[in-house]
Amino acid sequence: MKIKITSDSTCDLGEELIKKHDIGIVPLTVILGNKVYSDGIDITPQQIFDYVAQTGTLPKTAACTEEAYADHFAGFLKGNDAVIHFNISSKASVTNRNACEAAKRFKGKVKVIDSHALSTGQGLLVLKACDFADAGKKPDEIVAAVEALRPKVNTSFVPDSLEYLHKGGRCSLAALMGAKVLKLHPMIEMDDGQLRASKKYMGNLTRSLKNYIADLAAEYPHYDKKRCFITHSCCEKDVVDMVRGIVESTFSFENIYETVAGGVITGHCGKNTLGVLFIAE
């Protein structure tokens, strides 16, 4: 049975992994003023940073419509027996709802999974589905196995600034000003499909990221060693290299992938945000 694994563009897997695993991608929309872009196709993070700096407002994003999803699914089914599609958390976007409605037209051949995550937290589940498909599992078996893994995915990150989160209504002005004065960097993580701030780190970004990784190691002593992602919104190379070095010496992952967040995720978190994402056991 030939199964096609697909995802919306917020999985942030990067061109190499998408091509390697033949993953179908459905782009969400990023809107800068009166210009409309397709996430992961014709917009860069720098365009978003420039737009926010010039206008003081965040870009708008739009979900793929039900009709557009129906077209995508019909295309993915050509040459395939089934499609398993992943979406950003349903508590963050109507994308999942639209995909589910479109899937009803295909008489069970399209399975839609709410990742309860975003960025490479979602990407980790997408790759697990690819693993299961390669192992010969049937569509319903893949869906069940992936949904069992959902609560075990660590989707977390540390932003350098709360400016974008404030502009997006996700943190108060008092929290923004307090973070600036006290040099605080919160850990933002997915909890039951929603973003929330948990721990707060004091000091510069480098120090905060070191403490963040140490906390991850303490919280998740047992984890899936197959793969880990270091995903960031255009952090400096020396910062990313430092994080990779610490992750390599602290954990025992077989593969550590570095990816840059796409337009949808970057537009909500801002520059110099970084996360270390993996699946716990």
Protein backbone atom coordinates (compact mmCIF):
# COMPACT_ATOMS: atom_id res chain seq x y z
CA MET A 1 0.00 0.00 0.00
CA LYS A 2 1.42 3.36 -1.02
CA ILE A 3 0.93 6.06 1.63
CA LYS A 4 1.71 9.75 1.13
CA ILE A 5 2.69 11.70 4.26
CA THR A 6 1.88 15.42 4.06
CA SER A 7 1.90 18.47 6.35
CA ASP A 8 1.10 22.12 6.36
CA SER A 9 4.14 24.37 6.04
CA THR A 10 4.46 25.08 9.76
CA CYS A 11 6.34 21.80 10.28
CA ASP A 12 9.57 23.71 9.44
CA LEU A 13 11.38 20.55 8.31
CA GLY A 14 13.53 22.22 5.68
CA GLU A 15 14.00 21.38 2.02
CA GLU A 16 16.47 18.53 2.50
CA LEU A 17 14.33 16.42 4.85
CA ILE A 18 11.15 17.15 2.89
CA LYS A 19 12.80 15.92 -0.29
CA LYS A 20 14.44 12.91 1.37
CA HIS A 21 11.15 11.61 2.76
CA ASP A 22 8.98 12.79 -0.15
CA ILE A 23 6.72 14.79 2.18
CA GLY A 24 3.91 16.78 0.59
CA ILE A 25 3.67 20.35 1.90
CA VAL A 26 0.57 22.56 1.93
CA PRO A 27 1.69 26.19 2.34
CA LEU A 28 -0.12 28.58 4.65
CA THR A 29 -0.35 32.24 3.69
CA VAL A 30 1.69 35.15 5.04
CA ILE A 31 0.42 38.66 4.34
CA LEU A 32 2.68 41.72 4.52
CA GLY A 33 0.52 44.78 3.97
CA ASN A 34 -1.16 44.24 0.60
CA LYS A 35 1.28 41.54 -0.55
CA VAL A 36 0.41 37.86 -0.21
CA TYR A 37 3.07 35.15 0.09
CA SER A 38 3.12 31.37 0.39
CA ASP A 39 4.92 30.17 3.51
CA GLY A 40 8.14 28.36 2.69
CA ILE A 41 7.99 29.28 -1.00
CA ASP A 42 8.39 32.97 -1.73
CA ILE A 43 8.98 34.72 1.59
CA THR A 44 12.06 34.89 3.83
CA PRO A 45 12.39 35.64 7.55
CA GLN A 46 14.35 38.80 6.70
CA GLN A 47 11.36 40.16 4.76
CA ILE A 48 9.28 39.71 7.90
CA PHE A 49 11.86 41.39 10.15
CA ASP A 50 12.08 44.33 7.75
CA TYR A 51 8.29 44.65 7.53
CA VAL A 52 7.84 44.67 11.32
CA ALA A 53 10.69 47.19 11.75
CA GLN A 54 9.15 49.50 9.14
CA THR A 55 5.48 49.23 10.13
CA GLY A 56 5.52 48.29 13.80
CA THR A 57 2.95 45.57 13.11
CA LEU A 58 3.18 41.82 12.69
CA PRO A 59 2.40 40.08 9.41
CA LYS A 60 -0.99 38.45 9.08
CA THR A 61 -1.32 34.74 8.42
CA ALA A 62 -4.10 32.76 6.80
CA ALA A 63 -5.00 29.08 6.86
CA CYS A 64 -5.42 26.96 3.78
CA THR A 65 -9.12 26.91 2.86
CA GLU A 66 -11.27 23.79 2.69
CA GLU A 67 -11.48 24.01 -1.10
CA ALA A 68 -7.73 24.44 -1.45
CA TYR A 69 -7.19 21.44 0.83
CA ALA A 70 -9.53 19.36 -1.31
CA ASP A 71 -7.42 20.23 -4.35
CA HIS A 72 -4.19 19.38 -2.52
CA PHE A 73 -5.54 16.05 -1.28
CA ALA A 74 -6.79 15.11 -4.74
CA GLY A 75 -3.31 15.78 -6.10
CA PHE A 76 -1.59 13.80 -3.34
CA LEU A 77 -3.84 10.80 -3.99
CA LYS A 78 -2.66 10.51 -7.57
CA GLY A 79 -0.42 7.47 -7.49
CA ASN A 80 -1.08 6.85 -3.79
CA ASP A 81 -3.61 4.73 -1.91
CA ALA A 82 -3.90 6.98 1.14
CA VAL A 83 -2.81 10.35 2.53
CA ILE A 84 -1.93 11.10 6.15
CA HIS A 85 -1.85 14.85 6.71
CA PHE A 86 -0.53 16.84 9.70
CA ASN A 87 -1.53 20.31 10.85
CA ILE A 88 -0.44 22.94 13.33
CA SER A 89 -2.36 22.67 16.62
CA SER A 90 -6.09 23.22 16.20
CA LYS A 91 -5.91 25.62 19.16
CA ALA A 92 -3.59 27.88 17.16
CA SER A 93 -5.29 27.86 13.75
CA VAL A 94 -8.43 26.80 11.85
CA THR A 95 -6.16 24.94 9.42
CA ASN A 96 -6.93 21.57 11.02
CA ARG A 97 -10.68 22.13 10.86
CA ASN A 98 -10.50 23.03 7.16
CA ALA A 99 -8.39 19.96 6.41
CA CYS A 100 -10.80 17.68 8.28
CA GLU A 101 -13.76 19.02 6.33
CA ALA A 102 -11.94 18.55 3.03
CA ALA A 103 -10.89 15.01 3.99
CA LYS A 104 -14.55 13.96 4.27
CA ARG A 105 -14.79 14.11 0.49
CA PHE A 106 -12.31 11.26 0.00
CA LYS A 107 -14.13 8.35 1.66
CA GLY A 108 -11.52 7.52 4.28
CA LYS A 109 -8.50 7.77 2.00
CA VAL A 110 -7.31 10.96 3.74
CA LYS A 111 -6.46 10.91 7.46
CA VAL A 112 -5.91 14.25 9.20
CA ILE A 113 -3.88 14.55 12.40
CA ASP A 114 -3.94 17.53 14.73
CA SER A 115 -0.29 17.70 15.82
CA HIS A 116 -1.10 19.61 19.06
CA ALA A 117 2.23 21.29 18.25
CA LEU A 118 3.92 23.64 15.83
CA SER A 119 7.22 24.01 14.00
CA THR A 120 9.47 20.96 14.28
CA GLY A 121 7.43 19.65 17.21
CA GLN A 122 4.95 18.91 14.45
CA GLY A 123 7.82 17.94 12.15
CA LEU A 124 8.94 15.22 14.56
CA LEU A 125 5.53 13.57 14.28
CA VAL A 126 5.59 13.90 10.49
CA LEU A 127 8.92 12.07 10.35
CA LYS A 128 7.64 9.38 12.72
CA ALA A 129 4.75 8.80 10.32
CA CYS A 130 7.29 8.42 7.53
CA ASP A 131 9.17 5.86 9.66
CA PHE A 132 5.98 3.89 10.29
CA ALA A 133 4.96 3.99 6.62
CA ASP A 134 8.41 2.76 5.59
CA ALA A 135 8.00 -0.09 8.11
CA GLY A 136 4.83 -1.20 6.33
CA LYS A 137 2.20 -0.03 8.82
CA LYS A 138 -1.30 0.62 7.52
CA PRO A 139 -2.86 4.13 7.64
CA ASP A 140 -4.98 3.49 10.75
CA GLU A 141 -1.98 1.95 12.52
CA ILE A 142 0.16 4.98 11.66
CA VAL A 143 -2.49 7.39 12.94
CA ALA A 144 -2.84 5.49 16.22
CA ALA A 145 0.92 5.25 16.74
CA VAL A 146 1.49 8.94 16.04
CA GLU A 147 -1.39 10.10 18.23
CA ALA A 148 0.08 8.04 21.08
CA LEU A 149 3.33 9.99 20.68
CA ARG A 150 1.74 13.47 20.63
CA PRO A 151 1.88 14.15 24.39
CA LYS A 152 5.53 13.08 24.46
CA VAL A 153 6.76 15.74 22.04
CA ASN A 154 8.78 18.52 23.64
CA THR A 155 7.84 21.64 21.68
CA SER A 156 9.59 24.52 23.41
CA PHE A 157 11.71 27.54 22.62
CA VAL A 158 13.36 30.60 24.12
CA PRO A 159 12.85 34.00 22.46
CA ASP A 160 15.50 36.69 22.64
CA SER A 161 12.80 39.36 22.86
CA LEU A 162 9.12 39.39 23.77
CA GLU A 163 8.37 42.14 21.25
CA TYR A 164 6.66 39.92 18.68
CA LEU A 165 4.73 37.99 21.33
CA HIS A 166 3.55 41.32 22.77
CA LYS A 167 2.50 42.64 19.37
CA GLY A 168 0.60 39.41 18.82
CA GLY A 169 -1.25 39.76 22.11
CA ARG A 170 0.54 36.84 23.75
CA CYS A 171 2.24 38.84 26.50
CA SER A 172 1.39 42.06 28.31
CA LEU A 173 3.22 45.37 28.10
CA ALA A 174 4.25 44.93 31.73
CA ALA A 175 5.79 41.54 30.94
CA LEU A 176 7.57 43.02 27.92
CA MET A 177 9.04 45.91 29.91
CA GLY A 178 9.93 43.67 32.85
CA ALA A 179 11.78 41.29 30.57
CA LYS A 180 13.78 44.17 29.10
CA VAL A 181 14.71 45.67 32.47
CA LEU A 182 15.52 42.37 34.19
CA LYS A 183 16.99 40.68 31.08
CA LEU A 184 14.53 37.81 31.34
CA HIS A 185 14.12 35.13 28.69
CA PRO A 186 11.07 32.92 29.20
CA MET A 187 10.77 29.33 28.08
CA ILE A 188 7.68 29.08 25.87
CA GLU A 189 6.24 25.58 25.46
CA MET A 190 3.21 23.78 24.10
CA ASP A 191 0.84 22.51 26.75
CA ASP A 192 -2.23 20.62 25.50
CA GLY A 193 -1.91 22.30 22.12
CA GLN A 194 -1.49 25.83 23.47
CA LEU A 195 1.54 28.04 24.05
CA ARG A 196 2.37 29.05 27.60
CA ALA A 197 5.32 30.62 29.37
CA SER A 198 6.92 28.43 32.02
CA LYS A 199 10.43 28.99 33.36
CA LYS A 200 12.20 32.33 33.18
CA TYR A 201 15.92 32.70 32.67
CA MET A 202 17.90 35.76 33.72
CA GLY A 203 20.84 37.03 31.69
CA ASN A 204 21.73 37.27 28.03
CA LEU A 205 20.46 34.86 25.38
CA THR A 206 23.56 32.65 25.50
CA ARG A 207 23.32 32.11 29.24
CA SER A 208 19.57 31.56 29.01
CA LEU A 209 19.93 28.91 26.31
CA LYS A 210 22.54 27.05 28.36
CA ASN A 211 20.16 26.93 31.32
CA TYR A 212 17.26 25.98 29.04
CA ILE A 213 19.11 22.94 27.68
CA ALA A 214 20.15 21.92 31.18
CA ASP A 215 16.51 22.05 32.27
CA LEU A 216 15.44 19.94 29.28
CA ALA A 217 18.03 17.32 30.18
CA ALA A 218 16.78 17.23 33.77
CA GLU A 219 13.11 17.06 32.77
CA TYR A 220 13.56 14.44 30.05
CA PRO A 221 16.17 11.89 31.15
CA HIS A 222 14.61 9.30 28.83
CA TYR A 223 13.95 10.25 25.23
CA ASP A 224 13.75 8.95 21.67
CA LYS A 225 17.36 9.04 20.50
CA LYS A 226 16.60 8.86 16.79
CA ARG A 227 16.39 12.58 16.10
CA CYS A 228 16.39 16.07 17.56
CA PHE A 229 15.84 19.49 16.04
CA ILE A 230 17.55 22.77 16.75
CA THR A 231 15.10 25.18 15.16
CA HIS A 232 15.62 28.92 15.20
CA SER A 233 14.57 32.18 13.61
CA CYS A 234 17.88 33.35 12.13
CA CYS A 235 20.05 33.16 15.23
CA GLU A 236 23.74 33.97 14.85
CA LYS A 237 25.85 31.00 13.74
CA ASP A 238 28.00 31.07 16.88
CA VAL A 239 24.88 30.80 19.06
CA VAL A 240 23.53 27.85 17.06
CA ASP A 241 26.94 26.16 17.08
CA MET A 242 27.16 26.61 20.85
CA VAL A 243 23.72 25.06 21.31
CA ARG A 244 24.62 22.13 19.04
CA GLY A 245 27.78 21.50 21.03
CA ILE A 246 25.90 21.44 24.33
CA VAL A 247 23.15 19.19 22.92
CA GLU A 248 25.76 16.78 21.55
CA SER A 249 27.56 16.56 24.89
CA THR A 250 24.37 16.39 26.99
CA PHE A 251 22.16 14.04 24.97
CA SER A 252 22.75 10.99 22.78
CA PHE A 253 20.78 11.74 19.63
CA GLU A 254 21.63 9.83 16.47
CA ASN A 255 20.68 12.81 14.33
CA ILE A 256 20.62 16.50 15.22
CA TYR A 257 19.03 18.62 12.52
CA GLU A 258 19.21 22.39 12.30
CA THR A 259 16.29 24.15 10.62
CA VAL A 260 15.25 27.77 10.25
CA ALA A 261 11.64 28.57 11.14
CA GLY A 262 9.35 29.46 8.26
CA GLY A 263 7.35 32.63 7.78
CA VAL A 264 4.32 31.68 9.90
CA ILE A 265 6.35 30.71 12.96
CA THR A 266 8.90 33.53 12.55
CA GLY A 267 6.09 36.07 12.26
CA HIS A 268 4.87 35.15 15.73
CA CYS A 269 8.12 34.67 17.66
CA GLY A 270 10.58 37.15 16.14
CA LYS A 271 14.29 37.04 15.44
CA ASN A 272 16.77 35.04 17.55
CA THR A 273 14.24 32.59 18.95
CA LEU A 274 15.62 29.08 19.38
CA GLY A 275 14.23 25.74 20.44
CA VAL A 276 15.57 22.23 21.02
CA LEU A 277 12.81 19.81 20.13
CA PHE A 278 12.58 16.01 20.49
CA ILE A 279 10.29 13.19 21.60
CA ALA A 280 10.41 11.95 25.17
CA GLU A 281 9.87 8.31 26.13
